[in-house]
Amino acid sequence: IRATWGGTASVEDASRALGFSRAKGYDLARRGEFPCRVLR
């Protein structure tokens, strides 16, 4: 991630890195509970 990703990542990629599904990632982001900082 450090070597190849830019300053921001998609929710899909971040969710995969954290080990959960895209749907779960978007649900957490929508509720403000994604474990990382999110920009809308």
Full PDB file with SEQRES, HELIX, SHEET, SSBOND, CRYST1, ORIGX, SCALE, CONECT and MASTER records, all heavy atoms in Angstrom:
SEQRES   1 A   40  ILE ARG ALA THR TRP GLY GLY THR ALA SER VAL GLU ASP          
SEQRES   2 A   40  ALA SER ARG ALA LEU GLY PHE SER ARG ALA LYS GLY TYR          
SEQRES   3 A   40  ASP LEU ALA ARG ARG GLY GLU PHE PRO CYS ARG VAL LEU          
SEQRES   4 A   40  ARG                                                          
HELIX    1 AA1 VAL A   11  LEU A   18  1                                   8    
HELIX    2 AA2 ARG A   22  ARG A   31  1                                  10    
CRYST1    1.000    1.000    1.000  90.00  90.00  90.00 P 1           1          
ORIGX1      1.000000  0.000000  0.000000        0.00000                         
ORIGX2      0.000000  1.000000  0.000000        0.00000                         
ORIGX3      0.000000  0.000000  1.000000        0.00000                         
SCALE1      1.000000  0.000000  0.000000        0.00000                         
SCALE2      0.000000  1.000000  0.000000        0.00000                         
SCALE3      0.000000  0.000000  1.000000        0.00000                         
ATOM      1  N   ILE A   1       0.840  -1.197   0.000  1.00  0.00           N  
ATOM      2  CA  ILE A   1       0.000   0.000   0.000  1.00  0.00           C  
ATOM      3  C   ILE A   1       0.874   1.245   0.000  1.00  0.00           C  
ATOM      4  O   ILE A   1       0.669   2.167  -0.774  1.00  0.00           O  
ATOM      5  CB  ILE A   1      -0.960   0.000   1.206  1.00  0.00           C  
ATOM      6  CG1 ILE A   1      -2.017  -1.092   1.035  1.00  0.00           C  
ATOM      7  CG2 ILE A   1      -1.609   1.364   1.397  1.00  0.00           C  
ATOM      8  CD1 ILE A   1      -2.868  -1.321   2.258  1.00  0.00           C  
ATOM      9  N   ARG A   2       1.879   1.257   0.863  1.00  0.00           N  
ATOM     10  CA  ARG A   2       2.782   2.402   0.961  1.00  0.00           C  
ATOM     11  C   ARG A   2       3.494   2.656  -0.366  1.00  0.00           C  
ATOM     12  O   ARG A   2       3.705   3.802  -0.763  1.00  0.00           O  
ATOM     13  CB  ARG A   2       3.796   2.154   2.074  1.00  0.00           C  
ATOM     14  CG  ARG A   2       4.458   3.392   2.581  1.00  0.00           C  
ATOM     15  CD  ARG A   2       5.325   3.109   3.798  1.00  0.00           C  
ATOM     16  NE  ARG A   2       4.516   3.189   5.015  1.00  0.00           N  
ATOM     17  CZ  ARG A   2       4.186   2.153   5.773  1.00  0.00           C  
ATOM     18  NH1 ARG A   2       4.588   0.940   5.488  1.00  0.00           N  
ATOM     19  NH2 ARG A   2       3.445   2.318   6.857  1.00  0.00           N  
ATOM     20  N   ALA A   3       3.855   1.591  -1.068  1.00  0.00           N  
ATOM     21  CA  ALA A   3       4.631   1.718  -2.306  1.00  0.00           C  
ATOM     22  C   ALA A   3       3.782   2.054  -3.531  1.00  0.00           C  
ATOM     23  O   ALA A   3       4.285   2.679  -4.459  1.00  0.00           O  
ATOM     24  CB  ALA A   3       5.392   0.420  -2.566  1.00  0.00           C  
ATOM     25  N   THR A   4       2.507   1.654  -3.533  1.00  0.00           N  
ATOM     26  CA  THR A   4       1.752   1.769  -4.783  1.00  0.00           C  
ATOM     27  C   THR A   4       0.478   2.600  -4.730  1.00  0.00           C  
ATOM     28  O   THR A   4      -0.010   3.001  -5.772  1.00  0.00           O  
ATOM     29  CB  THR A   4       1.369   0.359  -5.300  1.00  0.00           C  
ATOM     30  OG1 THR A   4       0.566  -0.306  -4.319  1.00  0.00           O  
ATOM     31  CG2 THR A   4       2.608  -0.468  -5.613  1.00  0.00           C  
ATOM     32  N   TRP A   5      -0.060   2.871  -3.556  1.00  0.00           N  
ATOM     33  CA  TRP A   5      -1.315   3.613  -3.480  1.00  0.00           C  
ATOM     34  C   TRP A   5      -1.041   5.103  -3.349  1.00  0.00           C  
ATOM     35  O   TRP A   5      -0.015   5.524  -2.830  1.00  0.00           O  
ATOM     36  CB  TRP A   5      -2.145   3.154  -2.288  1.00  0.00           C  
ATOM     37  CG  TRP A   5      -2.698   1.768  -2.407  1.00  0.00           C  
ATOM     38  CD1 TRP A   5      -2.270   0.776  -3.225  1.00  0.00           C  
ATOM     39  CD2 TRP A   5      -3.771   1.213  -1.660  1.00  0.00           C  
ATOM     40  NE1 TRP A   5      -3.009  -0.351  -3.032  1.00  0.00           N  
ATOM     41  CE2 TRP A   5      -3.935  -0.121  -2.077  1.00  0.00           C  
ATOM     42  CE3 TRP A   5      -4.601   1.706  -0.659  1.00  0.00           C  
ATOM     43  CZ2 TRP A   5      -4.915  -0.947  -1.539  1.00  0.00           C  
ATOM     44  CZ3 TRP A   5      -5.568   0.872  -0.128  1.00  0.00           C  
ATOM     45  CH2 TRP A   5      -5.727  -0.437  -0.571  1.00  0.00           C  
ATOM     46  N   GLY A   6      -1.989   5.911  -3.780  1.00  0.00           N  
ATOM     47  CA  GLY A   6      -1.882   7.360  -3.657  1.00  0.00           C  
ATOM     48  C   GLY A   6      -2.356   7.831  -2.292  1.00  0.00           C  
ATOM     49  O   GLY A   6      -2.421   7.064  -1.328  1.00  0.00           O  
ATOM     50  N   GLY A   7      -2.739   9.088  -2.188  1.00  0.00           N  
ATOM     51  CA  GLY A   7      -3.161   9.683  -0.927  1.00  0.00           C  
ATOM     52  C   GLY A   7      -4.511   9.219  -0.435  1.00  0.00           C  
ATOM     53  O   GLY A   7      -4.785   9.258   0.755  1.00  0.00           O  
ATOM     54  N   THR A   8      -5.360   8.790  -1.359  1.00  0.00           N  
ATOM     55  CA  THR A   8      -6.653   8.237  -0.974  1.00  0.00           C  
ATOM     56  C   THR A   8      -6.876   6.934  -1.722  1.00  0.00           C  
ATOM     57  O   THR A   8      -6.247   6.668  -2.740  1.00  0.00           O  
ATOM     58  CB  THR A   8      -7.826   9.190  -1.276  1.00  0.00           C  
ATOM     59  OG1 THR A   8      -7.919   9.392  -2.681  1.00  0.00           O  
ATOM     60  CG2 THR A   8      -7.668  10.514  -0.543  1.00  0.00           C  
ATOM     61  N   ALA A   9      -7.802   6.137  -1.192  1.00  0.00           N  
ATOM     62  CA  ALA A   9      -8.125   4.851  -1.802  1.00  0.00           C  
ATOM     63  C   ALA A   9      -9.635   4.708  -1.870  1.00  0.00           C  
ATOM     64  O   ALA A   9     -10.375   5.388  -1.155  1.00  0.00           O  
ATOM     65  CB  ALA A   9      -7.538   3.715  -0.965  1.00  0.00           C  
ATOM     66  N   SER A  10     -10.077   3.811  -2.709  1.00  0.00           N  
ATOM     67  CA  SER A  10     -11.507   3.532  -2.781  1.00  0.00           C  
ATOM     68  C   SER A  10     -11.943   2.775  -1.531  1.00  0.00           C  
ATOM     69  O   SER A  10     -11.136   2.124  -0.862  1.00  0.00           O  
ATOM     70  CB  SER A  10     -11.820   2.695  -4.025  1.00  0.00           C  
ATOM     71  OG  SER A  10     -11.254   1.406  -3.896  1.00  0.00           O  
ATOM     72  N   VAL A  11     -13.211   2.861  -1.230  1.00  0.00           N  
ATOM     73  CA  VAL A  11     -13.762   2.109  -0.099  1.00  0.00           C  
ATOM     74  C   VAL A  11     -13.589   0.617  -0.356  1.00  0.00           C  
ATOM     75  O   VAL A  11     -13.294  -0.145   0.568  1.00  0.00           O  
ATOM     76  CB  VAL A  11     -15.245   2.478   0.131  1.00  0.00           C  
ATOM     77  CG1 VAL A  11     -15.882   1.586   1.183  1.00  0.00           C  
ATOM     78  CG2 VAL A  11     -15.372   3.934   0.524  1.00  0.00           C  
ATOM     79  N   GLU A  12     -13.733   0.203  -1.615  1.00  0.00           N  
ATOM     80  CA  GLU A  12     -13.578  -1.207  -1.960  1.00  0.00           C  
ATOM     81  C   GLU A  12     -12.188  -1.720  -1.604  1.00  0.00           C  
ATOM     82  O   GLU A  12     -12.040  -2.764  -0.957  1.00  0.00           O  
ATOM     83  CB  GLU A  12     -13.825  -1.447  -3.455  1.00  0.00           C  
ATOM     84  CG  GLU A  12     -15.243  -1.214  -3.883  1.00  0.00           C  
ATOM     85  CD  GLU A  12     -15.498   0.209  -4.369  1.00  0.00           C  
ATOM     86  OE1 GLU A  12     -14.631   1.097  -4.161  1.00  0.00           O  
ATOM     87  OE2 GLU A  12     -16.561   0.441  -4.941  1.00  0.00           O  
ATOM     88  N   ASP A  13     -11.154  -0.989  -2.022  1.00  0.00           N  
ATOM     89  CA  ASP A  13      -9.779  -1.413  -1.744  1.00  0.00           C  
ATOM     90  C   ASP A  13      -9.461  -1.373  -0.252  1.00  0.00           C  
ATOM     91  O   ASP A  13      -8.842  -2.284   0.291  1.00  0.00           O  
ATOM     92  CB  ASP A  13      -8.776  -0.556  -2.515  1.00  0.00           C  
ATOM     93  CG  ASP A  13      -8.710  -0.917  -3.990  1.00  0.00           C  
ATOM     94  OD1 ASP A  13      -9.096  -2.048  -4.352  1.00  0.00           O  
ATOM     95  OD2 ASP A  13      -8.249  -0.063  -4.772  1.00  0.00           O  
ATOM     96  N   ALA A  14      -9.885  -0.313   0.412  1.00  0.00           N  
ATOM     97  CA  ALA A  14      -9.620  -0.202   1.852  1.00  0.00           C  
ATOM     98  C   ALA A  14     -10.334  -1.316   2.618  1.00  0.00           C  
ATOM     99  O   ALA A  14      -9.769  -1.901   3.543  1.00  0.00           O  
ATOM    100  CB  ALA A  14     -10.058   1.168   2.366  1.00  0.00           C  
ATOM    101  N   SER A  15     -11.559  -1.620   2.219  1.00  0.00           N  
ATOM    102  CA  SER A  15     -12.295  -2.701   2.863  1.00  0.00           C  
ATOM    103  C   SER A  15     -11.586  -4.026   2.678  1.00  0.00           C  
ATOM    104  O   SER A  15     -11.461  -4.819   3.620  1.00  0.00           O  
ATOM    105  CB  SER A  15     -13.718  -2.791   2.299  1.00  0.00           C  
ATOM    106  OG  SER A  15     -14.440  -1.627   2.590  1.00  0.00           O  
ATOM    107  N   ARG A  16     -11.115  -4.277   1.480  1.00  0.00           N  
ATOM    108  CA  ARG A  16     -10.399  -5.524   1.215  1.00  0.00           C  
ATOM    109  C   ARG A  16      -9.122  -5.600   2.059  1.00  0.00           C  
ATOM    110  O   ARG A  16      -8.791  -6.646   2.603  1.00  0.00           O  
ATOM    111  CB  ARG A  16     -10.067  -5.629  -0.261  1.00  0.00           C  
ATOM    112  CG  ARG A  16      -9.453  -6.976  -0.596  1.00  0.00           C  
ATOM    113  CD  ARG A  16      -9.465  -7.269  -2.047  1.00  0.00           C  
ATOM    114  NE  ARG A  16     -10.847  -7.401  -2.480  1.00  0.00           N  
ATOM    115  CZ  ARG A  16     -11.215  -7.400  -3.747  1.00  0.00           C  
ATOM    116  NH1 ARG A  16     -10.324  -7.293  -4.687  1.00  0.00           N  
ATOM    117  NH2 ARG A  16     -12.477  -7.514  -4.083  1.00  0.00           N  
ATOM    118  N   ALA A  17      -8.417  -4.484   2.192  1.00  0.00           N  
ATOM    119  CA  ALA A  17      -7.198  -4.469   3.001  1.00  0.00           C  
ATOM    120  C   ALA A  17      -7.511  -4.760   4.469  1.00  0.00           C  
ATOM    121  O   ALA A  17      -6.716  -5.385   5.164  1.00  0.00           O  
ATOM    122  CB  ALA A  17      -6.494  -3.117   2.874  1.00  0.00           C  
ATOM    123  N   LEU A  18      -8.681  -4.324   4.921  1.00  0.00           N  
ATOM    124  CA  LEU A  18      -9.081  -4.544   6.313  1.00  0.00           C  
ATOM    125  C   LEU A  18      -9.747  -5.898   6.523  1.00  0.00           C  
ATOM    126  O   LEU A  18      -9.987  -6.302   7.657  1.00  0.00           O  
ATOM    127  CB  LEU A  18     -10.026  -3.423   6.768  1.00  0.00           C  
ATOM    128  CG  LEU A  18      -9.355  -2.055   6.886  1.00  0.00           C  
ATOM    129  CD1 LEU A  18     -10.405  -0.957   6.996  1.00  0.00           C  
ATOM    130  CD2 LEU A  18      -8.427  -2.030   8.085  1.00  0.00           C  
ATOM    131  N   GLY A  19     -10.068  -6.578   5.422  1.00  0.00           N  
ATOM    132  CA  GLY A  19     -10.601  -7.930   5.525  1.00  0.00           C  
ATOM    133  C   GLY A  19     -12.111  -8.051   5.563  1.00  0.00           C  
ATOM    134  O   GLY A  19     -12.632  -9.053   6.032  1.00  0.00           O  
ATOM    135  N   PHE A  20     -12.818  -7.046   5.090  1.00  0.00           N  
ATOM    136  CA  PHE A  20     -14.256  -7.201   4.996  1.00  0.00           C  
ATOM    137  C   PHE A  20     -14.756  -6.801   3.626  1.00  0.00           C  
ATOM    138  O   PHE A  20     -14.014  -6.279   2.795  1.00  0.00           O  
ATOM    139  CB  PHE A  20     -15.030  -6.487   6.120  1.00  0.00           C  
ATOM    140  CG  PHE A  20     -14.592  -5.082   6.436  1.00  0.00           C  
ATOM    141  CD1 PHE A  20     -15.057  -4.019   5.704  1.00  0.00           C  
ATOM    142  CD2 PHE A  20     -13.752  -4.833   7.501  1.00  0.00           C  
ATOM    143  CE1 PHE A  20     -14.682  -2.723   6.002  1.00  0.00           C  
ATOM    144  CE2 PHE A  20     -13.362  -3.539   7.804  1.00  0.00           C  
ATOM    145  CZ  PHE A  20     -13.829  -2.487   7.064  1.00  0.00           C  
ATOM    146  N   SER A  21     -16.031  -7.066   3.365  1.00  0.00           N  
ATOM    147  CA  SER A  21     -16.601  -6.893   2.027  1.00  0.00           C  
ATOM    148  C   SER A  21     -16.824  -5.426   1.678  1.00  0.00           C  
ATOM    149  O   SER A  21     -16.863  -4.554   2.548  1.00  0.00           O  
ATOM    150  CB  SER A  21     -17.931  -7.636   1.927  1.00  0.00           C  
ATOM    151  OG  SER A  21     -18.932  -6.966   2.676  1.00  0.00           O  
ATOM    152  N   ARG A  22     -16.997  -5.205   0.389  1.00  0.00           N  
ATOM    153  CA  ARG A  22     -17.295  -3.877  -0.134  1.00  0.00           C  
ATOM    154  C   ARG A  22     -18.580  -3.350   0.491  1.00  0.00           C  
ATOM    155  O   ARG A  22     -18.651  -2.191   0.913  1.00  0.00           O  
ATOM    156  CB  ARG A  22     -17.425  -3.996  -1.647  1.00  0.00           C  
ATOM    157  CG  ARG A  22     -17.924  -2.786  -2.350  1.00  0.00           C  
ATOM    158  CD  ARG A  22     -18.161  -3.136  -3.842  1.00  0.00           C  
ATOM    159  NE  ARG A  22     -18.700  -2.023  -4.553  1.00  0.00           N  
ATOM    160  CZ  ARG A  22     -20.009  -1.740  -4.619  1.00  0.00           C  
ATOM    161  NH1 ARG A  22     -20.883  -2.510  -4.027  1.00  0.00           N  
ATOM    162  NH2 ARG A  22     -20.421  -0.693  -5.284  1.00  0.00           N  
ATOM    163  N   ALA A  23     -19.621  -4.194   0.557  1.00  0.00           N  
ATOM    164  CA  ALA A  23     -20.909  -3.771   1.116  1.00  0.00           C  
ATOM    165  C   ALA A  23     -20.762  -3.358   2.580  1.00  0.00           C  
ATOM    166  O   ALA A  23     -21.316  -2.333   2.999  1.00  0.00           O  
ATOM    167  CB  ALA A  23     -21.934  -4.898   0.979  1.00  0.00           C  
ATOM    168  N   LYS A  24     -20.028  -4.131   3.346  1.00  0.00           N  
ATOM    169  CA  LYS A  24     -19.798  -3.805   4.755  1.00  0.00           C  
ATOM    170  C   LYS A  24     -19.031  -2.490   4.872  1.00  0.00           C  
ATOM    171  O   LYS A  24     -19.334  -1.648   5.720  1.00  0.00           O  
ATOM    172  CB  LYS A  24     -19.019  -4.938   5.441  1.00  0.00           C  
ATOM    173  CG  LYS A  24     -18.700  -4.693   6.888  1.00  0.00           C  
ATOM    174  CD  LYS A  24     -19.920  -4.750   7.744  1.00  0.00           C  
ATOM    175  CE  LYS A  24     -19.537  -4.684   9.210  1.00  0.00           C  
ATOM    176  NZ  LYS A  24     -20.712  -4.688  10.071  1.00  0.00           N  
ATOM    177  N   GLY A  25     -18.049  -2.291   3.995  1.00  0.00           N  
ATOM    178  CA  GLY A  25     -17.276  -1.057   4.009  1.00  0.00           C  
ATOM    179  C   GLY A  25     -18.132   0.169   3.750  1.00  0.00           C  
ATOM    180  O   GLY A  25     -18.047   1.171   4.461  1.00  0.00           O  
ATOM    181  N   TYR A  26     -18.992   0.097   2.729  1.00  0.00           N  
ATOM    182  CA  TYR A  26     -19.870   1.226   2.436  1.00  0.00           C  
ATOM    183  C   TYR A  26     -20.885   1.451   3.550  1.00  0.00           C  
ATOM    184  O   TYR A  26     -21.211   2.592   3.869  1.00  0.00           O  
ATOM    185  CB  TYR A  26     -20.576   1.041   1.091  1.00  0.00           C  
ATOM    186  CG  TYR A  26     -19.734   1.514  -0.061  1.00  0.00           C  
ATOM    187  CD1 TYR A  26     -19.174   0.616  -0.955  1.00  0.00           C  
ATOM    188  CD2 TYR A  26     -19.479   2.872  -0.253  1.00  0.00           C  
ATOM    189  CE1 TYR A  26     -18.393   1.049  -2.017  1.00  0.00           C  
ATOM    190  CE2 TYR A  26     -18.700   3.325  -1.301  1.00  0.00           C  
ATOM    191  CZ  TYR A  26     -18.160   2.404  -2.181  1.00  0.00           C  
ATOM    192  OH  TYR A  26     -17.384   2.845  -3.215  1.00  0.00           O  
ATOM    193  N   ASP A  27     -21.360   0.377   4.157  1.00  0.00           N  
ATOM    194  CA  ASP A  27     -22.298   0.516   5.267  1.00  0.00           C  
ATOM    195  C   ASP A  27     -21.629   1.223   6.451  1.00  0.00           C  
ATOM    196  O   ASP A  27     -22.199   2.151   7.035  1.00  0.00           O  
ATOM    197  CB  ASP A  27     -22.820  -0.856   5.688  1.00  0.00           C  
ATOM    198  CG  ASP A  27     -23.873  -0.757   6.776  1.00  0.00           C  
ATOM    199  OD1 ASP A  27     -24.823   0.045   6.620  1.00  0.00           O  
ATOM    200  OD2 ASP A  27     -23.745  -1.485   7.781  1.00  0.00           O  
ATOM    201  N   LEU A  28     -20.413   0.815   6.782  1.00  0.00           N  
ATOM    202  CA  LEU A  28     -19.682   1.464   7.881  1.00  0.00           C  
ATOM    203  C   LEU A  28     -19.385   2.927   7.561  1.00  0.00           C  
ATOM    204  O   LEU A  28     -19.505   3.798   8.435  1.00  0.00           O  
ATOM    205  CB  LEU A  28     -18.383   0.710   8.167  1.00  0.00           C  
ATOM    206  CG  LEU A  28     -18.540  -0.673   8.789  1.00  0.00           C  
ATOM    207  CD1 LEU A  28     -17.181  -1.371   8.846  1.00  0.00           C  
ATOM    208  CD2 LEU A  28     -19.159  -0.594  10.170  1.00  0.00           C  
ATOM    209  N   ALA A  29     -18.997   3.213   6.319  1.00  0.00           N  
ATOM    210  CA  ALA A  29     -18.704   4.598   5.920  1.00  0.00           C  
ATOM    211  C   ALA A  29     -19.963   5.455   6.009  1.00  0.00           C  
ATOM    212  O   ALA A  29     -19.919   6.587   6.501  1.00  0.00           O  
ATOM    213  CB  ALA A  29     -18.133   4.626   4.510  1.00  0.00           C  
ATOM    214  N   ARG A  30     -21.080   4.916   5.581  1.00  0.00           N  
ATOM    215  CA  ARG A  30     -22.345   5.650   5.624  1.00  0.00           C  
ATOM    216  C   ARG A  30     -22.730   5.990   7.058  1.00  0.00           C  
ATOM    217  O   ARG A  30     -23.214   7.083   7.345  1.00  0.00           O  
ATOM    218  CB  ARG A  30     -23.452   4.810   4.977  1.00  0.00           C  
ATOM    219  CG  ARG A  30     -24.814   5.472   4.961  1.00  0.00           C  
ATOM    220  CD  ARG A  30     -25.893   4.571   4.372  1.00  0.00           C  
ATOM    221  NE  ARG A  30     -25.965   3.255   4.990  1.00  0.00           N  
ATOM    222  CZ  ARG A  30     -26.553   2.996   6.165  1.00  0.00           C  
ATOM    223  NH1 ARG A  30     -27.109   3.960   6.854  1.00  0.00           N  
ATOM    224  NH2 ARG A  30     -26.579   1.766   6.639  1.00  0.00           N  
ATOM    225  N   ARG A  31     -22.481   5.073   7.994  1.00  0.00           N  
ATOM    226  CA  ARG A  31     -22.815   5.295   9.401  1.00  0.00           C  
ATOM    227  C   ARG A  31     -21.736   6.080  10.151  1.00  0.00           C  
ATOM    228  O   ARG A  31     -21.885   6.355  11.335  1.00  0.00           O  
ATOM    229  CB  ARG A  31     -23.047   3.950  10.094  1.00  0.00           C  
ATOM    230  CG  ARG A  31     -24.298   3.250   9.599  1.00  0.00           C  
ATOM    231  CD  ARG A  31     -24.596   2.011  10.388  1.00  0.00           C  
ATOM    232  NE  ARG A  31     -23.643   0.958  10.030  1.00  0.00           N  
ATOM    233  CZ  ARG A  31     -23.264  -0.023  10.842  1.00  0.00           C  
ATOM    234  NH1 ARG A  31     -23.736  -0.097  12.055  1.00  0.00           N  
ATOM    235  NH2 ARG A  31     -22.422  -0.936  10.438  1.00  0.00           N  
ATOM    236  N   GLY A  32     -20.619   6.402   9.495  1.00  0.00           N  
ATOM    237  CA  GLY A  32     -19.531   7.118  10.159  1.00  0.00           C  
ATOM    238  C   GLY A  32     -18.713   6.228  11.065  1.00  0.00           C  
ATOM    239  O   GLY A  32     -18.070   6.711  11.989  1.00  0.00           O  
ATOM    240  N   GLU A  33     -18.724   4.917  10.812  1.00  0.00           N  
ATOM    241  CA  GLU A  33     -18.021   3.966  11.666  1.00  0.00           C  
ATOM    242  C   GLU A  33     -16.909   3.212  10.943  1.00  0.00           C  
ATOM    243  O   GLU A  33     -16.396   2.222  11.478  1.00  0.00           O  
ATOM    244  CB  GLU A  33     -19.029   2.964  12.235  1.00  0.00           C  
ATOM    245  CG  GLU A  33     -20.057   3.609  13.126  1.00  0.00           C  
ATOM    246  CD  GLU A  33     -21.118   2.636  13.600  1.00  0.00           C  
ATOM    247  OE1 GLU A  33     -21.039   1.439  13.257  1.00  0.00           O  
ATOM    248  OE2 GLU A  33     -22.029   3.077  14.300  1.00  0.00           O  
ATOM    249  N   PHE A  34     -16.523   3.659   9.760  1.00  0.00           N  
ATOM    250  CA  PHE A  34     -15.415   3.012   9.059  1.00  0.00           C  
ATOM    251  C   PHE A  34     -14.173   3.198   9.924  1.00  0.00           C  
ATOM    252  O   PHE A  34     -13.956   4.277  10.472  1.00  0.00           O  
ATOM    253  CB  PHE A  34     -15.218   3.650   7.679  1.00  0.00           C  
ATOM    254  CG  PHE A  34     -14.432   2.799   6.742  1.00  0.00           C  
ATOM    255  CD1 PHE A  34     -15.038   1.794   6.024  1.00  0.00           C  
ATOM    256  CD2 PHE A  34     -13.067   2.986   6.596  1.00  0.00           C  
ATOM    257  CE1 PHE A  34     -14.314   0.994   5.150  1.00  0.00           C  
ATOM    258  CE2 PHE A  34     -12.329   2.204   5.738  1.00  0.00           C  
ATOM    259  CZ  PHE A  34     -12.951   1.200   5.006  1.00  0.00           C  
ATOM    260  N   PRO A  35     -13.348   2.168  10.090  1.00  0.00           N  
ATOM    261  CA  PRO A  35     -12.229   2.268  11.044  1.00  0.00           C  
ATOM    262  C   PRO A  35     -11.118   3.240  10.644  1.00  0.00           C  
ATOM    263  O   PRO A  35     -10.183   3.436  11.400  1.00  0.00           O  
ATOM    264  CB  PRO A  35     -11.695   0.838  11.138  1.00  0.00           C  
ATOM    265  CG  PRO A  35     -12.292   0.099  10.019  1.00  0.00           C  
ATOM    266  CD  PRO A  35     -13.493   0.839   9.561  1.00  0.00           C  
ATOM    267  N   CYS A  36     -11.233   3.865   9.478  1.00  0.00           N  
ATOM    268  CA  CYS A  36     -10.229   4.836   9.014  1.00  0.00           C  
ATOM    269  C   CYS A  36     -10.929   6.156   8.696  1.00  0.00           C  
ATOM    270  O   CYS A  36     -12.137   6.227   8.589  1.00  0.00           O  
ATOM    271  CB  CYS A  36      -9.565   4.341   7.724  1.00  0.00           C  
ATOM    272  SG  CYS A  36      -8.908   2.696   7.829  1.00  0.00           S  
ATOM    273  N   ARG A  37     -10.123   7.173   8.504  1.00  0.00           N  
ATOM    274  CA  ARG A  37     -10.654   8.477   8.110  1.00  0.00           C  
ATOM    275  C   ARG A  37     -11.220   8.386   6.694  1.00  0.00           C  
ATOM    276  O   ARG A  37     -10.593   7.817   5.812  1.00  0.00           O  
ATOM    277  CB  ARG A  37      -9.566   9.540   8.156  1.00  0.00           C  
ATOM    278  CG  ARG A  37      -8.819   9.633   9.477  1.00  0.00           C  
ATOM    279  CD  ARG A  37      -9.482  10.431  10.516  1.00  0.00           C  
ATOM    280  NE  ARG A  37      -9.619  11.800  10.037  1.00  0.00           N  
ATOM    281  CZ  ARG A  37     -10.443  12.666  10.570  1.00  0.00           C  
ATOM    282  NH1 ARG A  37     -11.184  12.325  11.576  1.00  0.00           N  
ATOM    283  NH2 ARG A  37     -10.534  13.877  10.105  1.00  0.00           N  
ATOM    284  N   VAL A  38     -12.410   8.943   6.501  1.00  0.00           N  
ATOM    285  CA  VAL A  38     -13.101   8.889   5.217  1.00  0.00           C  
ATOM    286  C   VAL A  38     -13.427  10.307   4.764  1.00  0.00           C  
ATOM    287  O   VAL A  38     -13.825  11.146   5.566  1.00  0.00           O  
ATOM    288  CB  VAL A  38     -14.406   8.072   5.344  1.00  0.00           C  
ATOM    289  CG1 VAL A  38     -15.220   8.121   4.064  1.00  0.00           C  
ATOM    290  CG2 VAL A  38     -14.102   6.631   5.722  1.00  0.00           C  
ATOM    291  N   LEU A  39     -13.233  10.557   3.480  1.00  0.00           N  
ATOM    292  CA  LEU A  39     -13.600  11.843   2.882  1.00  0.00           C  
ATOM    293  C   LEU A  39     -14.819  11.643   2.010  1.00  0.00           C  
ATOM    294  O   LEU A  39     -14.866  10.706   1.212  1.00  0.00           O  
ATOM    295  CB  LEU A  39     -12.470  12.369   1.993  1.00  0.00           C  
ATOM    296  CG  LEU A  39     -11.180  12.786   2.649  1.00  0.00           C  
ATOM    297  CD1 LEU A  39     -10.159  13.133   1.566  1.00  0.00           C  
ATOM    298  CD2 LEU A  39     -11.406  13.977   3.539  1.00  0.00           C  
ATOM    299  N   ARG A  40     -15.779  12.524   2.150  1.00  0.00           N  
ATOM    300  CA  ARG A  40     -16.930  12.514   1.248  1.00  0.00           C  
ATOM    301  C   ARG A  40     -16.841  13.770   0.403  1.00  0.00           C  
ATOM    302  O   ARG A  40     -16.894  14.881   0.922  1.00  0.00           O  
ATOM    303  CB  ARG A  40     -18.224  12.469   2.042  1.00  0.00           C  
ATOM    304  CG  ARG A  40     -18.453  11.133   2.683  1.00  0.00           C  
ATOM    305  CD  ARG A  40     -19.818  11.075   3.365  1.00  0.00           C  
ATOM    306  NE  ARG A  40     -20.000   9.803   4.013  1.00  0.00           N  
ATOM    307  CZ  ARG A  40     -19.585   9.496   5.225  1.00  0.00           C  
ATOM    308  NH1 ARG A  40     -18.936  10.385   5.934  1.00  0.00           N  
ATOM    309  NH2 ARG A  40     -19.809   8.306   5.741  1.00  0.00           N  
TER     310      ARG A  40                                                      
MASTER        0    0    0    2    0    0    0    6  309    1    0    4          
END                                                                             
